[in-house]
Amino acid sequence: MKTRTLGSHGLQVSAIGLGMGSTTTNFGENDGEVQVETMRRALDLGVNFLDSSDAYQKGRHEQLIAEAIRGRRHGVVVVSKFGNFDLPGGGKGYNGRPDYVPQACDKSLKQLGVDTIDLYYLHRIDPEVPVEETWGAMARLVEQGKVRFLGLCEAGADTLRRASAVHPVAALQTEYSLWERHVEREILPACRELGIGFVPYSPLGRGLLTGRVRSLDDIAPNDRRRIHPRFHAGNLEKNLELLAPLQRIAARFGATTAQVALAWLLAQGEDIVPIPGTKQQKYLEQNVAAVDLVLTPADVAELSEAFRPGVGAGERYPAGYFKTLGG
């Protein structure tokens, strides 16, 4: 497995990580076992960058990571997040209060079964708390040895600069893919200016770029993608029309469209480490193989033009779902 260094702060990780924010696939009673075995297979393949959050499965996913890395902690980059949660009756809540930061961290440390979290993110910016206050409390976690590196999720350029003035930001995690390229205008340049690594989540467009979603019937009834505008009737059909060049290039390489989409992301810079999410080992293995797929400059240019910013139909989140995106 190839490795990359996130930004200028020294955190070295596998060139592709394993994101586990999606809980859309249901394996029934053995779901936890399936997830643990997939994470262990990732470690076998050299993927050492395991992404979690105290919000994923209400903390259960952190416990699954603890099981997956038991006896294999050395060399594993354990990642988690805090400050983002579902509200009763729908909607999202945020908590970036300084007094809450150590409470959340201590709970995650216990659930992860580790003494130190390698990369700890503020999952969403709390609009009621200045980021400097949250970030100062997070910096104290580093001083105490509970956390090695700090990161932000879905933060805009101004927020990145304000946080960096308090303590180095090792990584920003935000959606980025062929389908969703809004970060290229201001956010990615700011990361490079400040020496911040970039971790794209949903690098496969929540499945759109895999070619496996052809209609709404391909999405389970309880799958939250059903509320996302890009999958709504009219939008989905237009988005599927964009896949032709991706499919053509994939066929030429004997690869999957997902592998080509990941290879395009990896070609955007050595400071980029995508974290495609899956619970299934067959897709994990396909994703990992993308690190060895080298697109030609012509391929990269063709895909960049076909998926130029704004060409996709539908916003990436429902209206009002998050109030802090890009803040």
Protein backbone atom coordinates (compact mmCIF):
# COMPACT_ATOMS: atom_id res chain seq x y z
CA MET A 1 0.00 0.00 0.00
CA LYS A 2 1.30 3.44 -0.92
CA THR A 3 1.34 6.08 1.78
CA ARG A 4 0.78 9.82 1.85
CA THR A 5 1.47 12.55 4.39
CA LEU A 6 -1.53 14.66 5.31
CA GLY A 7 -0.48 18.26 4.88
CA SER A 8 2.70 19.59 6.46
CA HIS A 9 2.21 18.30 9.99
CA GLY A 10 3.65 14.81 9.62
CA LEU A 11 0.66 12.46 9.84
CA GLN A 12 1.45 9.59 7.47
CA VAL A 13 -1.42 7.36 6.36
CA SER A 14 -2.27 4.86 3.65
CA ALA A 15 -3.09 6.56 0.33
CA ILE A 16 -6.67 5.34 0.66
CA GLY A 17 -8.50 5.03 3.96
CA LEU A 18 -11.66 3.24 5.03
CA GLY A 19 -14.65 5.47 5.71
CA MET A 20 -17.46 3.99 7.76
CA GLY A 21 -19.99 6.79 7.94
CA SER A 22 -22.47 4.87 5.82
CA THR A 23 -24.75 2.41 7.57
CA THR A 24 -26.95 1.86 4.54
CA THR A 25 -26.11 -1.82 4.05
CA ASN A 26 -27.82 -4.09 6.54
CA PHE A 27 -26.31 -7.54 7.09
CA GLY A 28 -28.81 -8.45 9.79
CA GLU A 29 -27.75 -9.95 13.08
CA ASN A 30 -24.14 -10.42 11.97
CA ASP A 31 -23.73 -6.81 10.84
CA GLY A 32 -21.10 -6.04 13.46
CA GLU A 33 -19.13 -9.15 12.57
CA VAL A 34 -19.17 -8.18 8.89
CA GLN A 35 -17.87 -4.69 9.66
CA VAL A 36 -15.10 -5.98 11.91
CA GLU A 37 -13.94 -8.51 9.33
CA THR A 38 -13.90 -5.82 6.64
CA MET A 39 -11.77 -3.57 8.83
CA ARG A 40 -9.39 -6.42 9.56
CA ARG A 41 -9.15 -7.17 5.85
CA ALA A 42 -8.34 -3.49 5.29
CA LEU A 43 -5.45 -3.77 7.75
CA ASP A 44 -4.24 -6.89 5.94
CA LEU A 45 -4.21 -4.89 2.68
CA GLY A 46 -2.17 -2.09 4.24
CA VAL A 47 -5.02 0.34 4.86
CA ASN A 48 -4.13 1.86 8.21
CA PHE A 49 -6.47 4.88 8.13
CA LEU A 50 -9.74 3.87 9.84
CA ASP A 51 -12.32 6.65 10.06
CA SER A 52 -15.11 6.75 12.64
CA SER A 53 -17.23 9.11 14.73
CA ASP A 54 -19.13 9.01 17.98
CA ALA A 55 -22.18 9.70 15.79
CA TYR A 56 -21.82 6.57 13.67
CA GLN A 57 -24.31 3.99 14.87
CA LYS A 58 -24.57 6.06 18.07
CA GLY A 59 -21.06 5.14 19.15
CA ARG A 60 -21.26 1.47 18.29
CA HIS A 61 -18.87 1.87 15.37
CA GLU A 62 -16.11 3.04 17.69
CA GLN A 63 -16.59 -0.18 19.64
CA LEU A 64 -16.31 -2.18 16.41
CA ILE A 65 -13.00 -0.47 15.63
CA ALA A 66 -11.80 -1.45 19.10
CA GLU A 67 -12.58 -5.07 18.27
CA ALA A 68 -11.01 -4.88 14.80
CA ILE A 69 -7.67 -3.47 16.01
CA ARG A 70 -7.38 -5.59 19.16
CA GLY A 71 -3.83 -6.93 19.15
CA ARG A 72 -3.00 -4.83 16.07
CA ARG A 73 -2.93 -1.27 17.41
CA HIS A 74 0.64 -0.54 16.29
CA GLY A 75 0.68 1.32 13.01
CA VAL A 76 -3.09 1.87 12.86
CA VAL A 77 -4.21 5.48 12.51
CA VAL A 78 -7.38 5.64 14.60
CA VAL A 79 -9.68 8.49 13.61
CA SER A 80 -12.85 9.74 15.24
CA LYS A 81 -15.04 12.82 15.46
CA PHE A 82 -17.41 14.57 17.85
CA GLY A 83 -19.92 17.39 17.98
CA ASN A 84 -22.53 16.22 15.46
CA PHE A 85 -25.67 14.31 16.41
CA ASP A 86 -29.21 13.56 15.33
CA LEU A 87 -32.02 15.43 17.06
CA PRO A 88 -35.19 13.68 18.18
CA GLY A 89 -37.75 14.09 15.45
CA GLY A 90 -35.14 14.82 12.77
CA GLY A 91 -32.54 17.43 12.01
CA LYS A 92 -28.99 17.83 13.26
CA GLY A 93 -27.53 19.18 16.47
CA TYR A 94 -24.02 20.43 17.22
CA ASN A 95 -21.94 20.78 20.35
CA GLY A 96 -18.59 22.54 20.25
CA ARG A 97 -18.65 23.91 23.79
CA PRO A 98 -15.20 23.80 25.42
CA ASP A 99 -16.50 21.92 28.46
CA TYR A 100 -17.99 19.23 26.22
CA VAL A 101 -14.78 18.57 24.26
CA PRO A 102 -12.96 16.50 26.94
CA GLN A 103 -16.16 14.65 27.82
CA ALA A 104 -16.64 13.56 24.22
CA CYS A 105 -12.99 12.60 23.87
CA ASP A 106 -12.91 10.51 27.03
CA LYS A 107 -16.02 8.64 25.92
CA SER A 108 -14.51 7.92 22.49
CA LEU A 109 -11.21 6.79 24.02
CA LYS A 110 -13.10 4.29 26.13
CA GLN A 111 -15.24 3.04 23.24
CA LEU A 112 -12.23 2.77 20.92
CA GLY A 113 -10.20 0.97 23.58
CA VAL A 114 -7.14 3.17 23.04
CA ASP A 115 -5.07 5.59 25.08
CA THR A 116 -4.67 8.07 22.22
CA ILE A 117 -6.76 9.01 19.20
CA ASP A 118 -4.46 9.67 16.26
CA LEU A 119 -6.70 12.16 14.45
CA TYR A 120 -9.65 13.80 16.20
CA TYR A 121 -12.09 15.91 14.20
CA LEU A 122 -14.69 18.47 15.11
CA HIS A 123 -17.44 16.79 13.09
CA ARG A 124 -19.39 19.97 12.40
CA ILE A 125 -18.84 23.59 13.39
CA ASP A 126 -21.15 24.65 16.22
CA PRO A 127 -22.74 27.92 15.02
CA GLU A 128 -23.24 28.99 18.65
CA VAL A 129 -19.58 28.67 19.68
CA PRO A 130 -16.60 30.55 18.17
CA VAL A 131 -14.34 27.98 16.56
CA GLU A 132 -11.36 29.40 18.48
CA GLU A 133 -12.97 28.30 21.75
CA THR A 134 -13.67 24.76 20.56
CA TRP A 135 -10.24 24.52 18.97
CA GLY A 136 -8.49 25.72 22.10
CA ALA A 137 -10.18 22.97 24.10
CA MET A 138 -9.18 20.43 21.45
CA ALA A 139 -5.58 21.68 21.57
CA ARG A 140 -5.52 20.88 25.29
CA LEU A 141 -6.31 17.26 24.39
CA VAL A 142 -3.07 17.19 22.40
CA GLU A 143 -1.17 18.68 25.33
CA GLN A 144 -2.62 15.96 27.58
CA GLY A 145 -1.58 13.18 25.19
CA LYS A 146 -5.14 12.07 24.50
CA VAL A 147 -4.98 13.09 20.84
CA ARG A 148 -2.07 13.35 18.36
CA PHE A 149 -3.52 15.48 15.54
CA LEU A 150 -6.60 17.65 15.11
CA GLY A 151 -8.94 18.01 12.16
CA LEU A 152 -12.07 19.80 11.00
CA CYS A 153 -15.01 18.61 8.92
CA GLU A 154 -16.99 20.76 6.49
CA ALA A 155 -15.15 23.96 7.36
CA GLY A 156 -14.70 26.92 5.04
CA ALA A 157 -11.51 28.83 4.30
CA ASP A 158 -12.09 31.49 6.96
CA THR A 159 -12.76 28.90 9.65
CA LEU A 160 -9.61 27.01 8.67
CA ARG A 161 -7.54 30.17 9.07
CA ARG A 162 -9.09 31.05 12.42
CA ALA A 163 -8.52 27.55 13.81
CA SER A 164 -4.96 27.39 12.44
CA ALA A 165 -4.12 30.56 14.34
CA VAL A 166 -4.85 28.68 17.57
CA HIS A 167 -3.37 25.25 16.81
CA PRO A 168 -2.28 23.44 13.62
CA VAL A 169 -5.04 21.78 11.61
CA ALA A 170 -3.74 18.47 10.29
CA ALA A 171 -6.66 17.58 8.03
CA LEU A 172 -9.95 18.77 6.65
CA GLN A 173 -12.61 16.18 5.85
CA THR A 174 -15.22 17.34 3.36
CA GLU A 175 -17.15 15.80 0.48
CA TYR A 176 -15.13 15.80 -2.73
CA SER A 177 -15.53 13.70 -5.86
CA LEU A 178 -15.98 14.00 -9.60
CA TRP A 179 -19.63 14.69 -8.86
CA GLU A 180 -19.03 17.27 -6.10
CA ARG A 181 -16.15 19.71 -6.65
CA HIS A 182 -17.18 22.83 -4.72
CA VAL A 183 -14.00 22.66 -2.57
CA GLU A 184 -11.75 23.46 -5.51
CA ARG A 185 -12.63 27.15 -5.58
CA GLU A 186 -11.60 28.33 -2.10
CA ILE A 187 -11.36 25.49 0.41
CA LEU A 188 -8.71 23.27 -1.18
CA PRO A 189 -6.45 26.26 -1.97
CA ALA A 190 -6.78 27.38 1.66
CA CYS A 191 -5.77 23.92 2.85
CA ARG A 192 -2.65 24.08 0.72
CA GLU A 193 -1.85 27.59 1.90
CA LEU A 194 -2.09 26.44 5.52
CA GLY A 195 -0.43 23.03 5.12
CA ILE A 196 -3.64 21.09 5.82
CA GLY A 197 -4.20 17.63 4.37
CA PHE A 198 -7.48 16.96 2.57
CA VAL A 199 -9.61 13.88 3.26
CA PRO A 200 -12.53 13.51 0.80
CA TYR A 201 -15.54 11.68 2.14
CA SER A 202 -18.14 10.27 -0.27
CA PRO A 203 -15.43 10.12 -2.97
CA LEU A 204 -17.73 7.93 -5.07
CA GLY A 205 -20.62 10.37 -5.00
CA ARG A 206 -22.54 8.25 -2.47
CA GLY A 207 -22.54 5.44 -5.02
CA LEU A 208 -23.45 7.46 -8.11
CA LEU A 209 -19.98 6.98 -9.58
CA THR A 210 -19.99 3.21 -9.11
CA GLY A 211 -22.73 2.64 -11.70
CA ARG A 212 -24.54 0.32 -9.32
CA VAL A 213 -27.38 2.77 -8.63
CA ARG A 214 -29.52 2.92 -11.76
CA SER A 215 -32.83 3.82 -10.16
CA LEU A 216 -34.33 4.55 -6.76
CA ASP A 217 -35.26 0.87 -6.56
CA ASP A 218 -31.55 0.09 -6.17
CA ILE A 219 -31.54 1.94 -2.83
CA ALA A 220 -32.95 0.25 0.27
CA PRO A 221 -36.12 1.76 1.76
CA ASN A 222 -34.25 2.79 4.94
CA ASP A 223 -31.25 4.18 3.05
CA ARG A 224 -30.84 7.89 3.82
CA ARG A 225 -29.72 8.56 0.26
CA ARG A 226 -33.41 8.60 -0.59
CA ILE A 227 -33.65 12.07 0.94
CA HIS A 228 -30.65 13.41 -0.99
CA PRO A 229 -31.66 15.61 -3.94
CA ARG A 230 -29.17 14.07 -6.37
CA PHE A 231 -31.11 10.79 -6.18
CA HIS A 232 -34.53 12.35 -6.70
CA ALA A 233 -36.52 11.62 -9.84
CA GLY A 234 -35.28 13.78 -12.69
CA ASN A 235 -31.94 14.49 -11.00
CA LEU A 236 -30.83 10.86 -10.85
CA GLU A 237 -31.45 10.30 -14.55
CA LYS A 238 -29.42 13.39 -15.48
CA ASN A 239 -26.58 12.37 -13.18
CA LEU A 240 -26.42 8.89 -14.68
CA GLU A 241 -25.94 10.43 -18.12
CA LEU A 242 -22.63 11.85 -16.90
CA LEU A 243 -21.13 8.39 -16.43
CA ALA A 244 -20.39 7.66 -20.11
CA PRO A 245 -16.77 8.93 -20.17
CA LEU A 246 -16.09 7.32 -16.80
CA GLN A 247 -17.35 3.99 -18.13
CA ARG A 248 -15.33 4.35 -21.32
CA ILE A 249 -12.07 5.01 -19.49
CA ALA A 250 -12.78 2.20 -17.01
CA ALA A 251 -13.32 -0.25 -19.86
CA ARG A 252 -9.99 0.74 -21.45
CA PHE A 253 -8.14 0.07 -18.20
CA GLY A 254 -10.13 -3.06 -17.34
CA ALA A 255 -11.14 -1.30 -14.14
CA THR A 256 -14.36 -0.37 -12.39
CA THR A 257 -15.82 3.12 -12.62
CA ALA A 258 -15.26 3.43 -8.86
CA GLN A 259 -11.55 2.76 -9.31
CA VAL A 260 -11.28 5.38 -12.04
CA ALA A 261 -13.14 7.93 -9.90
CA LEU A 262 -10.74 7.29 -7.01
CA ALA A 263 -7.73 7.46 -9.32
CA TRP A 264 -8.92 10.86 -10.55
CA LEU A 265 -9.11 12.10 -6.94
CA LEU A 266 -5.65 10.75 -6.12
CA ALA A 267 -4.32 12.59 -9.18
CA GLN A 268 -5.51 15.93 -7.76
CA GLY A 269 -2.59 16.10 -5.34
CA GLU A 270 -0.37 14.12 -2.97
CA ASP A 271 -2.10 15.83 -0.04
CA ILE A 272 -5.41 14.11 -0.83
CA VAL A 273 -6.43 10.86 0.90
CA PRO A 274 -9.95 9.65 0.00
CA ILE A 275 -11.89 7.45 2.41
CA PRO A 276 -14.43 5.45 0.39
CA GLY A 277 -16.89 3.75 2.71
CA THR A 278 -17.96 0.14 2.47
CA LYS A 279 -18.81 -2.79 4.67
CA GLN A 280 -18.16 -5.37 1.96
CA GLN A 281 -14.71 -6.82 1.41
CA LYS A 282 -15.10 -7.17 -2.35
CA TYR A 283 -15.63 -3.41 -2.73
CA LEU A 284 -12.88 -2.66 -0.22
CA GLU A 285 -10.43 -4.70 -2.32
CA GLN A 286 -11.52 -2.93 -5.50
CA ASN A 287 -11.10 0.48 -3.87
CA VAL A 288 -7.65 -0.36 -2.54
CA ALA A 289 -6.53 -1.43 -6.03
CA ALA A 290 -7.25 2.10 -7.27
CA VAL A 291 -3.95 3.33 -5.79
CA ASP A 292 -2.14 1.47 -8.56
CA LEU A 293 -4.31 2.86 -11.37
CA VAL A 294 -2.47 5.75 -13.01
CA LEU A 295 -4.61 7.81 -15.37
CA THR A 296 -3.02 9.69 -18.25
CA PRO A 297 -3.13 13.49 -18.18
CA ALA A 298 -5.62 13.25 -21.04
CA ASP A 299 -7.86 10.96 -18.97
CA VAL A 300 -7.75 13.35 -16.01
CA ALA A 301 -8.57 16.30 -18.26
CA GLU A 302 -11.43 14.48 -19.97
CA LEU A 303 -13.03 13.54 -16.66
CA SER A 304 -12.51 17.03 -15.25
CA GLU A 305 -14.34 18.52 -18.21
CA ALA A 306 -17.14 15.94 -18.23
CA PHE A 307 -17.73 16.46 -14.50
CA ARG A 308 -17.00 20.19 -14.44
CA PRO A 309 -18.19 21.94 -11.26
CA GLY A 310 -21.93 22.47 -11.18
CA VAL A 311 -22.78 19.97 -13.92
CA GLY A 312 -24.46 17.52 -11.50
CA ALA A 313 -28.19 17.76 -10.86
CA GLY A 314 -29.40 18.30 -7.28
CA GLU A 315 -27.75 19.69 -4.17
CA ARG A 316 -25.62 17.37 -2.07
CA TYR A 317 -27.85 17.67 1.03
CA PRO A 318 -31.56 18.39 1.54
CA ALA A 319 -32.41 22.03 2.17
CA GLY A 320 -31.76 22.95 5.80
CA TYR A 321 -30.19 19.58 6.67
CA PHE A 322 -26.93 21.19 7.72
CA LYS A 323 -26.64 24.86 8.57
CA THR A 324 -22.85 24.88 8.87
CA LEU A 325 -21.65 23.42 5.57
CA GLY A 326 -18.62 25.33 4.34
CA GLY A 327 -18.76 27.76 7.26
